[in-house]
N, C-alpha and C. Protein backbone atom coordinates (compact mmCIF):
# COMPACT_ATOMS: atom_id res chain seq x y z
N MET A 1 -1.81 -28.26 -3.52
CA MET A 1 -1.04 -27.97 -3.90
C MET A 1 -1.18 -26.18 -4.40
N THR A 2 -0.35 -25.28 -3.34
CA THR A 2 -0.75 -24.08 -3.34
C THR A 2 0.72 -23.28 -4.45
N ALA A 3 -0.31 -23.37 -5.25
CA ALA A 3 0.47 -22.65 -6.67
C ALA A 3 1.04 -20.62 -5.96
N THR A 4 2.32 -20.69 -5.68
CA THR A 4 3.02 -19.50 -5.38
C THR A 4 3.10 -18.60 -6.91
N SER A 5 2.97 -17.44 -7.12
CA SER A 5 3.28 -16.99 -7.85
C SER A 5 4.44 -16.01 -7.65
N PRO A 6 5.48 -15.87 -8.47
CA PRO A 6 6.75 -15.19 -8.10
C PRO A 6 7.10 -14.41 -7.58
N VAL A 7 7.54 -14.31 -6.26
CA VAL A 7 7.77 -13.22 -5.52
C VAL A 7 8.60 -11.79 -6.15
N THR A 8 8.51 -10.98 -6.60
CA THR A 8 8.94 -9.76 -7.05
C THR A 8 9.66 -9.35 -5.79
N THR A 9 11.22 -8.78 -6.20
CA THR A 9 11.53 -7.77 -5.14
C THR A 9 10.77 -6.66 -5.47
N PRO A 10 10.94 -5.87 -4.18
CA PRO A 10 10.32 -4.32 -3.66
C PRO A 10 11.00 -3.59 -4.95
N THR A 11 10.52 -2.58 -5.24
CA THR A 11 11.70 -1.50 -6.72
C THR A 11 12.42 -0.98 -5.78
N ALA A 12 13.56 0.05 -6.94
CA ALA A 12 14.16 0.63 -6.50
C ALA A 12 14.04 2.19 -5.13
N SER A 13 12.46 2.11 -4.93
CA SER A 13 12.54 3.09 -4.86
C SER A 13 12.95 3.66 -2.84
N THR A 14 13.08 2.29 -2.53
CA THR A 14 13.92 2.90 -1.43
C THR A 14 15.60 2.88 -1.43
N THR A 15 15.87 1.57 -2.45
CA THR A 15 17.73 1.95 -3.31
C THR A 15 18.01 3.39 -3.39
N THR A 16 16.85 4.34 -4.07
CA THR A 16 16.99 4.96 -4.71
C THR A 16 16.96 6.15 -3.87
N THR A 17 16.20 6.33 -2.65
CA THR A 17 16.29 7.28 -1.72
C THR A 17 18.01 7.18 -0.87
N SER A 18 18.12 6.33 -0.54
CA SER A 18 19.83 6.13 0.17
C SER A 18 21.17 6.61 -0.86
N SER A 19 20.70 6.21 -2.42
CA SER A 19 21.44 6.17 -2.64
C SER A 19 21.50 7.88 -3.60
N SER A 20 20.18 8.31 -3.14
CA SER A 20 20.63 9.72 -3.15
C SER A 20 21.19 10.12 -2.13
N SER A 21 21.00 9.77 -1.00
CA SER A 21 21.41 11.00 0.45
C SER A 21 22.75 10.55 0.09
N SER A 22 23.34 9.24 -0.11
CA SER A 22 25.00 9.27 -0.71
C SER A 22 25.09 9.81 -1.17
N SER A 23 24.45 10.75 -2.95
CA SER A 23 25.21 10.91 -3.76
C SER A 23 25.43 12.59 -2.92
N ALA A 24 23.83 13.02 -2.31
CA ALA A 24 24.36 14.51 -1.47
C ALA A 24 25.06 14.41 -0.82
N GLN A 25 25.85 13.64 -0.03
CA GLN A 25 26.69 13.62 1.22
C GLN A 25 27.44 13.75 0.38
N GLN A 26 28.32 13.34 -0.36
CA GLN A 26 29.74 13.20 -0.99
C GLN A 26 29.42 14.46 -2.25
N GLN A 27 28.88 15.31 -2.77
CA GLN A 27 28.60 16.62 -3.41
C GLN A 27 28.55 17.51 -2.24
N LEU A 28 28.14 17.34 -1.42
CA LEU A 28 28.38 18.57 0.22
C LEU A 28 29.68 18.33 0.12
N ALA A 29 30.40 17.32 0.51
CA ALA A 29 31.54 16.56 1.12
C ALA A 29 32.94 17.24 -0.14
N GLY A 30 32.33 16.86 -1.33
CA GLY A 30 33.34 18.20 -2.38
C GLY A 30 32.96 18.94 -2.40
N ASN A 31 32.34 20.26 -2.35
CA ASN A 31 31.70 21.57 -1.90
C ASN A 31 32.24 22.24 -1.21
N PHE A 32 32.88 21.20 0.09
CA PHE A 32 33.35 21.19 1.42
C PHE A 32 34.95 21.61 1.16
N ASN A 33 35.01 20.59 0.76
CA ASN A 33 36.42 20.73 0.52
C ASN A 33 37.27 21.87 -0.11
N THR A 34 35.91 21.74 -1.75
CA THR A 34 36.67 23.24 -2.58
C THR A 34 36.53 24.22 -2.32
N PHE A 35 35.38 24.16 -0.63
CA PHE A 35 34.94 25.73 0.05
C PHE A 35 36.51 26.00 0.84
N LEU A 36 37.43 24.95 1.66
CA LEU A 36 38.64 24.96 2.56
C LEU A 36 39.73 25.53 2.01
N GLN A 37 39.83 25.21 0.36
CA GLN A 37 40.45 25.31 -0.24
C GLN A 37 40.51 26.41 -0.87
N LEU A 38 39.48 27.16 -1.16
CA LEU A 38 39.67 28.29 -1.71
C LEU A 38 39.81 29.38 -0.66
N LEU A 39 38.71 29.09 0.55
CA LEU A 39 39.17 29.93 2.18
C LEU A 39 41.20 29.65 2.33
N THR A 40 41.66 28.67 2.35
CA THR A 40 43.18 29.02 2.82
C THR A 40 43.57 29.61 1.66
N THR A 41 43.39 29.79 0.08
CA THR A 41 43.97 30.04 -0.66
C THR A 41 44.46 31.66 -0.12
N GLN A 42 42.81 31.91 0.54
CA GLN A 42 41.88 33.56 0.20
C GLN A 42 43.16 33.87 1.43
N LEU A 43 43.56 33.16 2.45
CA LEU A 43 43.82 33.13 3.86
C LEU A 43 45.55 33.99 3.90
N GLN A 44 45.67 32.95 2.94
CA GLN A 44 47.50 33.10 2.49
C GLN A 44 47.96 34.51 2.03
N ASN A 45 46.71 34.82 1.11
CA ASN A 45 47.06 36.07 0.23
C ASN A 45 46.31 37.16 0.80
N GLN A 46 45.74 37.42 1.08
CA GLN A 46 45.32 37.92 2.15
C GLN A 46 45.99 39.46 2.24
N ASP A 47 45.46 40.45 2.28
CA ASP A 47 46.30 41.95 2.62
C ASP A 47 46.52 42.18 4.33
N PRO A 48 47.72 41.69 4.23
CA PRO A 48 47.94 42.16 6.00
C PRO A 48 46.90 43.05 6.44
N LEU A 49 47.40 44.28 5.84
CA LEU A 49 46.68 45.49 6.13
C LEU A 49 45.36 45.83 6.19
N SER A 50 44.78 45.09 5.78
CA SER A 50 43.82 45.09 5.20
C SER A 50 42.60 43.72 5.38
N PRO A 51 42.95 42.36 6.12
CA PRO A 51 42.54 41.20 6.36
C PRO A 51 40.96 41.13 6.15
N MET A 52 40.57 39.86 5.70
CA MET A 52 39.70 39.79 5.10
C MET A 52 38.24 39.80 6.56
N ASP A 53 37.00 39.92 6.58
CA ASP A 53 36.11 39.89 6.96
C ASP A 53 36.28 38.68 7.69
N SER A 54 35.91 37.84 8.62
CA SER A 54 35.87 36.11 8.54
C SER A 54 34.48 35.89 8.82
N ASN A 55 33.38 37.10 9.49
CA ASN A 55 32.28 36.73 9.57
C ASN A 55 31.76 36.31 8.87
N GLN A 56 31.85 36.48 7.21
CA GLN A 56 31.08 35.85 5.76
C GLN A 56 31.57 33.87 6.14
N PHE A 57 32.94 34.13 6.30
CA PHE A 57 33.42 32.04 5.91
C PHE A 57 33.03 31.46 7.24
N THR A 58 32.73 32.23 8.70
CA THR A 58 32.06 31.80 9.20
C THR A 58 30.55 31.41 8.95
N GLN A 59 29.70 31.81 8.80
CA GLN A 59 28.59 31.78 8.60
C GLN A 59 28.23 30.58 7.01
N GLN A 60 28.69 30.63 6.53
CA GLN A 60 29.74 29.68 5.58
C GLN A 60 29.49 27.95 6.24
N LEU A 61 30.14 28.34 6.65
CA LEU A 61 30.65 27.00 7.57
C LEU A 61 29.36 26.61 8.73
N VAL A 62 28.93 27.28 9.16
CA VAL A 62 27.72 27.08 10.43
C VAL A 62 26.71 26.86 9.25
N GLU A 63 26.55 27.05 7.62
CA GLU A 63 25.69 27.23 6.89
C GLU A 63 26.17 24.93 6.23
N TYR A 64 27.24 24.73 5.95
CA TYR A 64 27.12 23.87 5.33
C TYR A 64 27.23 22.27 6.46
N SER A 65 27.66 22.80 7.76
CA SER A 65 26.91 21.65 8.85
C SER A 65 25.64 21.40 8.89
N GLN A 66 25.28 23.17 9.02
CA GLN A 66 23.57 22.35 8.66
C GLN A 66 23.04 21.84 8.02
N VAL A 67 23.39 21.86 6.19
CA VAL A 67 22.76 20.85 5.13
C VAL A 67 23.23 19.90 5.60
N GLU A 68 24.98 19.04 6.44
CA GLU A 68 25.34 17.71 6.20
C GLU A 68 24.64 17.33 7.83
N GLN A 69 23.87 17.80 8.53
CA GLN A 69 23.07 17.63 9.92
C GLN A 69 21.75 16.57 9.01
N GLN A 70 21.25 17.72 8.05
CA GLN A 70 19.83 17.45 6.99
C GLN A 70 20.16 16.17 6.46
N ILE A 71 21.12 16.41 5.53
CA ILE A 71 21.38 14.81 4.88
C ILE A 71 21.35 13.79 5.57
N ASN A 72 21.63 13.72 6.54
CA ASN A 72 22.31 12.26 7.79
C ASN A 72 20.93 12.89 8.74
N SER A 73 20.10 13.68 8.47
CA SER A 73 18.95 13.08 8.99
C SER A 73 18.04 12.08 8.17
N ASN A 74 17.61 12.75 6.93
CA ASN A 74 17.18 11.95 6.30
C ASN A 74 17.87 10.46 6.18
N SER A 75 19.55 10.68 5.38
CA SER A 75 19.43 9.11 5.35
C SER A 75 19.09 8.08 6.68
N LYS A 76 19.02 8.59 8.02
CA LYS A 76 18.74 7.75 8.69
C LYS A 76 16.94 7.25 8.90
N LEU A 77 16.47 8.45 8.32
CA LEU A 77 15.16 8.29 7.78
C LEU A 77 14.73 7.42 6.87
N ASP A 78 15.24 7.89 5.79
CA ASP A 78 15.65 6.44 4.65
C ASP A 78 15.43 5.30 5.16
N THR A 79 17.03 4.87 6.16
CA THR A 79 17.34 3.09 6.80
C THR A 79 15.49 2.84 7.27
N LEU A 80 15.07 3.89 7.95
CA LEU A 80 13.60 3.50 9.10
C LEU A 80 12.29 3.12 8.26
N ILE A 81 12.51 4.04 7.03
CA ILE A 81 11.09 3.63 5.99
C ILE A 81 11.87 1.92 5.21
N SER A 82 12.81 1.92 4.85
CA SER A 82 13.60 0.90 4.18
C SER A 82 13.40 -0.12 5.61
N LEU A 83 13.85 -0.45 6.83
CA LEU A 83 13.35 -1.25 7.85
C LEU A 83 11.93 -1.54 7.85
N GLY A 84 10.55 -0.59 7.76
CA GLY A 84 9.42 -0.79 7.86
C GLY A 84 8.65 -1.55 6.78
N GLN A 85 9.63 -1.72 5.64
CA GLN A 85 8.86 -1.95 4.33
C GLN A 85 9.23 -3.54 4.68
N ASN A 86 10.35 -3.69 4.59
CA ASN A 86 11.28 -5.14 4.86
C ASN A 86 10.15 -5.95 6.12
N GLN A 87 9.74 -5.39 7.05
CA GLN A 87 8.58 -5.94 7.60
C GLN A 87 8.25 -6.08 7.35
N ALA A 88 6.79 -5.25 6.36
CA ALA A 88 5.61 -5.27 5.68
C ALA A 88 5.93 -7.12 5.05
N ASN A 89 7.22 -6.94 4.16
CA ASN A 89 7.31 -7.63 2.87
C ASN A 89 7.25 -9.08 3.43
N SER A 90 8.09 -9.47 5.00
CA SER A 90 8.18 -10.80 5.43
C SER A 90 7.13 -10.72 5.93
N TYR A 91 6.01 -10.02 6.42
CA TYR A 91 4.61 -10.24 7.05
C TYR A 91 3.71 -10.97 6.14
N ALA A 92 3.55 -10.19 5.09
CA ALA A 92 3.43 -10.47 3.57
C ALA A 92 3.56 -11.91 3.37
N MET A 93 4.68 -12.59 3.11
CA MET A 93 4.92 -13.78 3.02
C MET A 93 4.75 -14.87 4.00
N SER A 94 4.13 -14.60 4.92
CA SER A 94 3.45 -15.07 5.98
C SER A 94 1.81 -15.97 5.85
N TYR A 95 1.80 -14.76 4.41
CA TYR A 95 -0.06 -15.07 3.85
C TYR A 95 0.34 -16.30 3.33
N LEU A 96 1.34 -16.17 2.64
CA LEU A 96 1.15 -17.27 1.76
C LEU A 96 0.72 -19.01 1.85
N GLY A 97 -0.39 -19.20 1.15
CA GLY A 97 -1.24 -19.98 0.92
C GLY A 97 -2.45 -20.72 2.46
N LYS A 98 -2.13 -19.23 2.87
CA LYS A 98 -3.23 -19.10 4.11
C LYS A 98 -4.80 -18.44 3.35
N ASN A 99 -5.99 -18.65 3.75
CA ASN A 99 -6.81 -18.70 3.13
C ASN A 99 -7.12 -16.93 5.05
N VAL A 100 -7.46 -16.14 3.73
CA VAL A 100 -7.31 -14.63 4.61
C VAL A 100 -9.19 -14.15 4.13
N VAL A 101 -9.51 -13.52 5.30
CA VAL A 101 -10.95 -12.50 4.90
C VAL A 101 -10.81 -11.53 5.37
N LEU A 102 -11.53 -10.64 3.96
CA LEU A 102 -11.72 -9.59 3.53
C LEU A 102 -13.15 -8.87 4.07
N SER A 103 -13.06 -7.71 4.66
CA SER A 103 -13.66 -7.17 5.05
C SER A 103 -14.20 -6.00 4.49
N ASN A 104 -13.90 -5.60 3.92
CA ASN A 104 -14.34 -4.23 2.89
C ASN A 104 -15.11 -4.63 1.70
N GLY A 105 -15.84 -5.69 1.63
CA GLY A 105 -16.42 -6.08 0.63
C GLY A 105 -16.00 -7.00 -0.64
N GLN A 106 -14.15 -6.63 -0.86
CA GLN A 106 -13.31 -6.65 -2.15
C GLN A 106 -13.24 -8.59 -1.81
N GLY A 107 -13.34 -9.33 -2.87
CA GLY A 107 -13.12 -10.58 -3.14
C GLY A 107 -13.29 -10.85 -4.71
N ALA A 108 -11.96 -12.37 -4.58
CA ALA A 108 -12.18 -12.56 -6.24
C ALA A 108 -12.39 -13.63 -6.85
N LEU A 109 -12.79 -12.82 -7.78
CA LEU A 109 -13.63 -14.38 -9.19
C LEU A 109 -12.61 -15.04 -9.39
N THR A 110 -12.59 -16.36 -9.14
CA THR A 110 -11.64 -17.24 -9.71
C THR A 110 -12.03 -17.92 -10.30
N ASN A 111 -11.99 -19.11 -11.09
CA ASN A 111 -12.55 -19.67 -11.95
C ASN A 111 -14.26 -19.61 -11.87
N GLY A 112 -14.66 -18.38 -12.46
CA GLY A 112 -15.90 -17.71 -12.29
C GLY A 112 -17.01 -18.15 -11.24
N ALA A 113 -16.17 -18.45 -10.03
CA ALA A 113 -16.95 -18.27 -8.72
C ALA A 113 -16.26 -17.06 -7.77
N ALA A 114 -17.40 -17.03 -7.40
CA ALA A 114 -17.00 -16.48 -5.94
C ALA A 114 -17.71 -15.97 -4.57
N ASP A 115 -17.70 -16.33 -3.38
CA ASP A 115 -18.20 -16.63 -2.34
C ASP A 115 -18.17 -15.35 -1.40
N TRP A 116 -19.16 -14.97 -0.89
CA TRP A 116 -19.08 -14.06 0.25
C TRP A 116 -20.10 -14.30 1.07
N THR A 117 -19.90 -13.66 2.56
CA THR A 117 -21.08 -13.52 3.76
C THR A 117 -21.32 -12.25 3.92
N TYR A 118 -22.62 -12.08 4.10
CA TYR A 118 -23.25 -10.85 4.69
C TYR A 118 -24.43 -10.92 6.05
N GLY A 119 -24.19 -9.75 6.38
CA GLY A 119 -24.73 -9.62 7.59
C GLY A 119 -25.76 -8.97 8.15
N LEU A 120 -26.71 -9.23 8.94
CA LEU A 120 -27.72 -7.73 8.82
C LEU A 120 -28.13 -7.99 10.22
N ASN A 121 -28.09 -6.89 10.29
CA ASN A 121 -27.75 -5.99 12.09
C ASN A 121 -29.27 -6.36 12.82
N GLY A 122 -30.35 -6.11 11.52
CA GLY A 122 -31.72 -6.62 12.07
C GLY A 122 -32.58 -7.06 10.58
N ALA A 123 -34.03 -7.35 10.68
CA ALA A 123 -34.70 -8.07 10.14
C ALA A 123 -34.90 -7.09 8.95
N ALA A 124 -35.34 -7.25 7.73
CA ALA A 124 -35.23 -5.98 6.27
C ALA A 124 -36.10 -6.36 5.66
N ALA A 125 -36.74 -5.12 5.55
CA ALA A 125 -37.78 -5.84 4.65
C ALA A 125 -37.76 -5.96 3.10
N SER A 126 -36.31 -5.20 2.60
CA SER A 126 -35.98 -5.90 1.39
C SER A 126 -34.13 -5.68 1.63
N THR A 127 -33.89 -6.19 0.92
CA THR A 127 -32.16 -6.32 0.83
C THR A 127 -31.72 -6.26 -0.55
N THR A 128 -30.77 -5.55 -1.13
CA THR A 128 -30.08 -5.18 -2.57
C THR A 128 -28.55 -5.36 -2.03
N LEU A 129 -28.46 -7.01 -2.81
CA LEU A 129 -26.67 -7.38 -3.30
C LEU A 129 -26.47 -7.00 -4.20
N THR A 130 -25.49 -6.15 -4.39
CA THR A 130 -24.32 -5.07 -6.03
C THR A 130 -23.24 -5.85 -5.79
N VAL A 131 -22.95 -5.94 -7.07
CA VAL A 131 -21.51 -6.86 -7.15
C VAL A 131 -21.21 -5.12 -8.17
N THR A 132 -20.28 -4.71 -8.04
CA THR A 132 -18.94 -4.20 -9.03
C THR A 132 -17.70 -4.38 -9.62
N ASP A 133 -17.16 -4.04 -10.69
CA ASP A 133 -15.64 -4.57 -10.56
C ASP A 133 -14.74 -4.17 -10.09
N SER A 134 -13.75 -4.05 -10.87
CA SER A 134 -12.49 -3.10 -9.94
C SER A 134 -12.39 -1.63 -10.97
N SER A 135 -13.51 -1.66 -11.45
CA SER A 135 -13.38 0.38 -11.93
C SER A 135 -14.65 0.50 -11.22
N GLY A 136 -15.46 0.14 -10.61
CA GLY A 136 -16.53 0.74 -9.71
C GLY A 136 -17.74 0.40 -10.21
N LYS A 137 -18.09 -0.36 -11.64
CA LYS A 137 -18.57 -0.21 -12.58
C LYS A 137 -19.68 -1.54 -12.29
N VAL A 138 -20.86 -1.18 -11.78
CA VAL A 138 -22.54 -2.56 -11.74
C VAL A 138 -22.06 -3.42 -12.66
N VAL A 139 -21.88 -4.64 -12.18
CA VAL A 139 -22.31 -5.40 -12.84
C VAL A 139 -22.95 -6.65 -12.94
N TYR A 140 -23.51 -6.63 -11.75
CA TYR A 140 -24.63 -7.46 -10.88
C TYR A 140 -25.73 -7.18 -9.65
N SER A 141 -26.70 -7.00 -10.00
CA SER A 141 -27.31 -6.62 -9.35
C SER A 141 -28.59 -7.38 -8.60
N GLY A 142 -29.08 -7.34 -7.17
CA GLY A 142 -30.17 -8.91 -6.84
C GLY A 142 -30.74 -8.62 -5.35
N ALA A 143 -31.61 -9.31 -5.83
CA ALA A 143 -31.79 -9.56 -3.96
C ALA A 143 -31.31 -10.42 -3.00
N GLY A 144 -31.48 -10.02 -1.60
CA GLY A 144 -30.61 -10.83 -0.74
C GLY A 144 -31.46 -10.87 0.48
N GLN A 145 -31.20 -12.42 1.34
CA GLN A 145 -32.21 -12.38 2.35
C GLN A 145 -32.26 -11.00 2.80
N THR A 146 -33.63 -11.50 3.86
CA THR A 146 -33.71 -10.27 4.72
C THR A 146 -33.87 -11.01 6.03
N ALA A 147 -33.96 -11.88 6.62
CA ALA A 147 -33.26 -12.17 7.74
C ALA A 147 -33.01 -11.52 8.42
N ALA A 148 -32.62 -11.25 9.96
CA ALA A 148 -31.35 -11.20 10.96
C ALA A 148 -30.36 -11.75 10.66
N GLY A 149 -28.55 -11.82 10.57
CA GLY A 149 -28.18 -13.16 10.84
C GLY A 149 -27.13 -12.62 9.76
N THR A 150 -26.16 -13.81 9.44
CA THR A 150 -25.15 -14.17 8.72
C THR A 150 -25.62 -15.06 7.17
N HIS A 151 -25.55 -14.58 5.99
CA HIS A 151 -25.66 -14.91 4.71
C HIS A 151 -24.85 -15.64 3.48
N ASP A 152 -25.06 -16.36 3.54
CA ASP A 152 -24.12 -16.70 1.99
C ASP A 152 -24.41 -16.28 1.26
N PHE A 153 -23.88 -15.75 -0.10
CA PHE A 153 -24.01 -15.85 -1.56
C PHE A 153 -22.90 -16.19 -2.41
N ALA A 154 -23.40 -16.73 -2.89
CA ALA A 154 -22.11 -17.24 -4.02
C ALA A 154 -22.54 -17.02 -5.18
N TRP A 155 -21.65 -16.10 -6.57
CA TRP A 155 -21.40 -15.82 -7.08
C TRP A 155 -21.16 -16.14 -8.34
N ASN A 156 -22.10 -16.85 -9.55
CA ASN A 156 -20.90 -17.24 -10.67
C ASN A 156 -20.79 -16.28 -11.83
N GLY A 157 -19.98 -15.14 -11.68
CA GLY A 157 -18.79 -14.42 -11.80
C GLY A 157 -20.33 -13.66 -13.24
N LYS A 158 -21.79 -14.02 -13.40
CA LYS A 158 -22.11 -13.72 -14.46
C LYS A 158 -23.02 -11.95 -14.43
N ASP A 159 -22.94 -11.08 -15.16
CA ASP A 159 -23.75 -10.25 -14.95
C ASP A 159 -25.38 -10.48 -14.90
N ASN A 160 -26.60 -9.26 -14.65
CA ASN A 160 -27.48 -9.32 -15.14
C ASN A 160 -28.31 -10.22 -16.30
N ASN A 161 -27.12 -9.38 -17.94
CA ASN A 161 -27.30 -10.39 -18.75
C ASN A 161 -26.77 -11.28 -19.18
N GLY A 162 -26.54 -12.23 -18.35
CA GLY A 162 -25.76 -13.97 -18.35
C GLY A 162 -24.51 -13.80 -18.62
N ASN A 163 -24.24 -13.05 -18.69
CA ASN A 163 -22.66 -12.77 -19.60
C ASN A 163 -21.47 -13.31 -18.85
N GLN A 164 -20.56 -14.21 -18.99
CA GLN A 164 -19.75 -14.22 -17.70
C GLN A 164 -18.48 -13.23 -18.14
N LEU A 165 -18.27 -13.09 -16.76
CA LEU A 165 -17.30 -11.90 -16.90
C LEU A 165 -15.97 -12.56 -15.99
N PRO A 166 -14.96 -11.61 -16.88
CA PRO A 166 -13.83 -12.42 -16.39
C PRO A 166 -13.15 -12.75 -14.73
N ASP A 167 -12.17 -13.26 -14.66
CA ASP A 167 -11.81 -13.64 -13.85
C ASP A 167 -11.24 -12.73 -12.60
N GLY A 168 -11.15 -12.27 -11.99
CA GLY A 168 -10.94 -10.79 -11.11
C GLY A 168 -11.46 -10.25 -9.74
N SER A 169 -11.06 -8.97 -9.37
CA SER A 169 -11.08 -8.20 -8.31
C SER A 169 -12.59 -7.84 -8.59
N TYR A 170 -13.51 -8.31 -7.55
CA TYR A 170 -14.38 -7.35 -7.97
C TYR A 170 -15.02 -7.30 -5.90
N THR A 171 -16.19 -6.38 -5.68
CA THR A 171 -17.01 -6.08 -4.47
C THR A 171 -18.31 -6.32 -4.51
N LEU A 172 -18.95 -6.94 -3.48
CA LEU A 172 -20.03 -7.07 -3.04
C LEU A 172 -20.55 -5.86 -1.96
N THR A 173 -21.71 -5.01 -2.23
CA THR A 173 -22.18 -4.41 -1.06
C THR A 173 -23.37 -4.73 -0.91
N ALA A 174 -23.99 -4.73 0.18
CA ALA A 174 -25.75 -5.09 0.63
C ALA A 174 -25.54 -3.83 1.26
N SER A 175 -27.31 -3.41 0.73
CA SER A 175 -27.74 -1.89 1.21
C SER A 175 -29.53 -2.93 1.88
N ALA A 176 -29.88 -3.16 2.74
CA ALA A 176 -31.28 -3.33 3.30
C ALA A 176 -31.72 -2.44 3.70
N THR A 177 -33.06 -2.07 3.65
CA THR A 177 -34.21 -1.24 4.43
C THR A 177 -34.99 -1.67 5.35
N ALA A 178 -35.46 -1.24 6.71
CA ALA A 178 -36.35 -2.05 7.35
C ALA A 178 -37.83 -2.02 6.60
N SER A 179 -38.72 -2.92 7.63
CA SER A 179 -40.62 -2.19 7.11
C SER A 179 -40.58 -0.89 7.35
N ASP A 180 -40.82 -0.01 8.54
CA ASP A 180 -40.74 1.66 8.47
C ASP A 180 -39.42 2.18 7.82
N GLY A 181 -38.96 1.95 6.28
CA GLY A 181 -37.95 2.54 5.88
C GLY A 181 -36.79 2.62 6.15
N THR A 182 -35.99 2.72 7.49
CA THR A 182 -35.13 3.18 7.91
C THR A 182 -34.23 2.03 7.03
N PRO A 183 -32.60 2.53 7.19
CA PRO A 183 -31.60 1.93 6.28
C PRO A 183 -31.02 0.82 7.45
N VAL A 184 -31.04 -0.64 8.04
CA VAL A 184 -30.80 -1.61 8.32
C VAL A 184 -28.56 -1.79 7.91
N THR A 185 -28.26 -1.69 8.86
CA THR A 185 -26.87 -2.17 8.95
C THR A 185 -26.24 -3.17 8.24
N THR A 186 -25.25 -3.60 7.72
CA THR A 186 -24.94 -4.63 7.10
C THR A 186 -23.48 -4.99 7.10
N THR A 187 -23.13 -5.79 7.13
CA THR A 187 -21.54 -6.07 6.71
C THR A 187 -21.63 -7.05 5.86
N VAL A 188 -20.10 -6.81 5.24
CA VAL A 188 -19.44 -7.70 4.04
C VAL A 188 -18.48 -8.72 4.49
N ALA A 189 -18.17 -10.11 4.04
CA ALA A 189 -16.39 -9.97 3.58
C ALA A 189 -16.95 -11.48 3.23
N SER A 190 -15.62 -11.64 2.66
CA SER A 190 -14.87 -13.49 1.70
C SER A 190 -13.26 -13.70 2.16
N LYS A 191 -13.86 -14.60 1.99
CA LYS A 191 -12.51 -15.47 2.38
C LYS A 191 -12.03 -16.08 0.93
N ALA A 192 -10.84 -15.94 0.84
CA ALA A 192 -9.87 -16.62 -0.27
C ALA A 192 -8.33 -17.01 -0.15
N LEU A 193 -8.03 -17.75 -1.22
CA LEU A 193 -6.76 -18.65 -0.90
C LEU A 193 -5.84 -17.58 -0.89
N VAL A 194 -4.53 -17.34 -0.65
CA VAL A 194 -3.41 -16.63 -1.11
C VAL A 194 -2.66 -17.27 -1.62
N SER A 195 -2.38 -17.32 -3.13
CA SER A 195 -1.77 -17.83 -4.24
C SER A 195 -0.06 -17.16 -3.87
N GLY A 196 -0.18 -16.42 -3.76
CA GLY A 196 1.44 -15.50 -4.04
C GLY A 196 0.83 -13.55 -3.53
N VAL A 197 2.34 -13.37 -3.40
CA VAL A 197 2.88 -11.92 -2.95
C VAL A 197 3.67 -11.30 -4.26
N ASP A 198 2.97 -10.52 -4.09
CA ASP A 198 3.04 -9.17 -5.33
C ASP A 198 3.91 -8.32 -4.60
N LEU A 199 5.64 -8.28 -4.33
CA LEU A 199 6.06 -6.96 -3.65
C LEU A 199 7.01 -6.02 -4.52
N SER A 200 6.63 -6.14 -6.05
CA SER A 200 7.21 -5.09 -7.42
C SER A 200 6.79 -3.26 -6.65
N GLY A 201 5.61 -3.57 -5.98
CA GLY A 201 4.94 -2.02 -5.59
C GLY A 201 5.66 -0.77 -4.34
N THR A 202 4.86 -0.48 -3.81
CA THR A 202 5.50 0.40 -2.46
C THR A 202 4.64 -0.69 -1.38
N THR A 203 3.32 -0.98 -1.62
CA THR A 203 2.84 -1.92 -0.53
C THR A 203 2.99 -3.12 -1.19
N PRO A 204 2.88 -4.17 -0.33
CA PRO A 204 2.62 -5.61 -0.59
C PRO A 204 1.39 -6.30 -0.73
N GLN A 205 0.89 -6.67 -1.84
CA GLN A 205 -0.59 -7.23 -2.38
C GLN A 205 -0.55 -8.57 -2.45
N LEU A 206 -1.64 -8.72 -1.87
CA LEU A 206 -1.65 -10.73 -2.02
C LEU A 206 -2.32 -10.72 -3.24
N VAL A 207 -1.51 -12.16 -4.00
CA VAL A 207 -2.32 -12.04 -4.83
C VAL A 207 -3.27 -13.82 -4.07
N ILE A 208 -4.55 -13.86 -4.73
CA ILE A 208 -5.76 -14.35 -4.66
C ILE A 208 -6.23 -14.68 -6.44
N GLY A 209 -6.24 -15.75 -6.94
CA GLY A 209 -6.65 -15.86 -8.28
C GLY A 209 -6.04 -14.91 -8.92
N THR A 210 -6.20 -14.43 -9.89
CA THR A 210 -5.67 -13.32 -10.59
C THR A 210 -6.40 -12.28 -10.52
N ALA A 211 -6.19 -12.22 -9.15
CA ALA A 211 -6.09 -10.43 -8.28
C ALA A 211 -5.76 -10.20 -7.52
N GLU A 212 -5.05 -9.12 -7.18
CA GLU A 212 -4.30 -8.44 -6.39
C GLU A 212 -4.98 -7.96 -5.13
N ILE A 213 -4.73 -8.45 -3.75
CA ILE A 213 -5.47 -7.57 -2.81
C ILE A 213 -4.50 -6.78 -1.63
N PRO A 214 -4.79 -5.52 -2.19
CA PRO A 214 -3.61 -5.12 -0.60
C PRO A 214 -3.54 -5.90 0.82
N LEU A 215 -2.11 -5.93 1.60
CA LEU A 215 -2.29 -6.19 2.42
C LEU A 215 -3.08 -6.15 3.39
N ALA A 216 -2.78 -4.92 4.15
CA ALA A 216 -3.57 -3.96 4.66
C ALA A 216 -5.29 -4.57 4.80
N ASN A 217 -5.94 -4.53 3.80
CA ASN A 217 -7.52 -5.32 3.41
C ASN A 217 -8.16 -6.96 3.68
N ALA A 218 -7.05 -7.36 4.54
CA ALA A 218 -6.72 -8.59 4.96
C ALA A 218 -6.58 -8.91 6.87
N THR A 219 -7.65 -8.78 7.45
CA THR A 219 -7.86 -8.58 8.38
C THR A 219 -7.96 -10.19 9.29
N ILE A 220 -7.88 -10.95 9.15
CA ILE A 220 -8.62 -12.74 9.80
C ILE A 220 -7.24 -13.32 8.45
N VAL A 221 -6.60 -14.52 9.42
CA VAL A 221 -5.98 -15.55 8.66
C VAL A 221 -6.31 -16.27 9.43
N THR A 222 -6.53 -17.44 7.87
CA THR A 222 -6.63 -18.49 8.79
C THR A 222 -6.51 -20.05 8.16
N ASN A 223 -5.67 -21.44 8.37
CA ASN A 223 -4.48 -21.57 7.22
C ASN A 223 -6.02 -22.93 6.69
């Protein structure tokens, strides 16, 4: 059974920007109406022998028009941003209950277990596997396989002193050196089940165990 965490609706960022555009439009309309009332009153009461210069009023009308066009442009841009975020949220929801493969080395320690695969493009004289926590602190370091190809690494969540670490997001890096001292190219990936989606931030987060992974970090989806 797939445990689905509550899906939180996005923050009010897009709603706020749309509301701001609407508020700005209303404020501009109010100011414009006041301006027209003042202009009409001044024209009605001007001295016929010394009429006012219309250039200033014309310039103000042009400026109001420019501001109105800018507000309309911002409103349309807010709409496009909102549509893009809604599409991203819908896409993230399709990941629920599926396995994702993360190719940036990030993985989730769940119930004291995390699994990665790492690859060596060539044979190595030595390989070092390093696990860091979400703050970038090294919590585990050990030797890895040296043969060219893909290898599995199952971590029990314990640091080098044997202390059990809490579940959460961890990152594995693999560094390898050939017999002549040159570096060997490595790749790291992990596979995990998506149990929920967090939409409360500006970008969707996939919930894996107790960890949250950015949607952009999930490169492959499998059943």
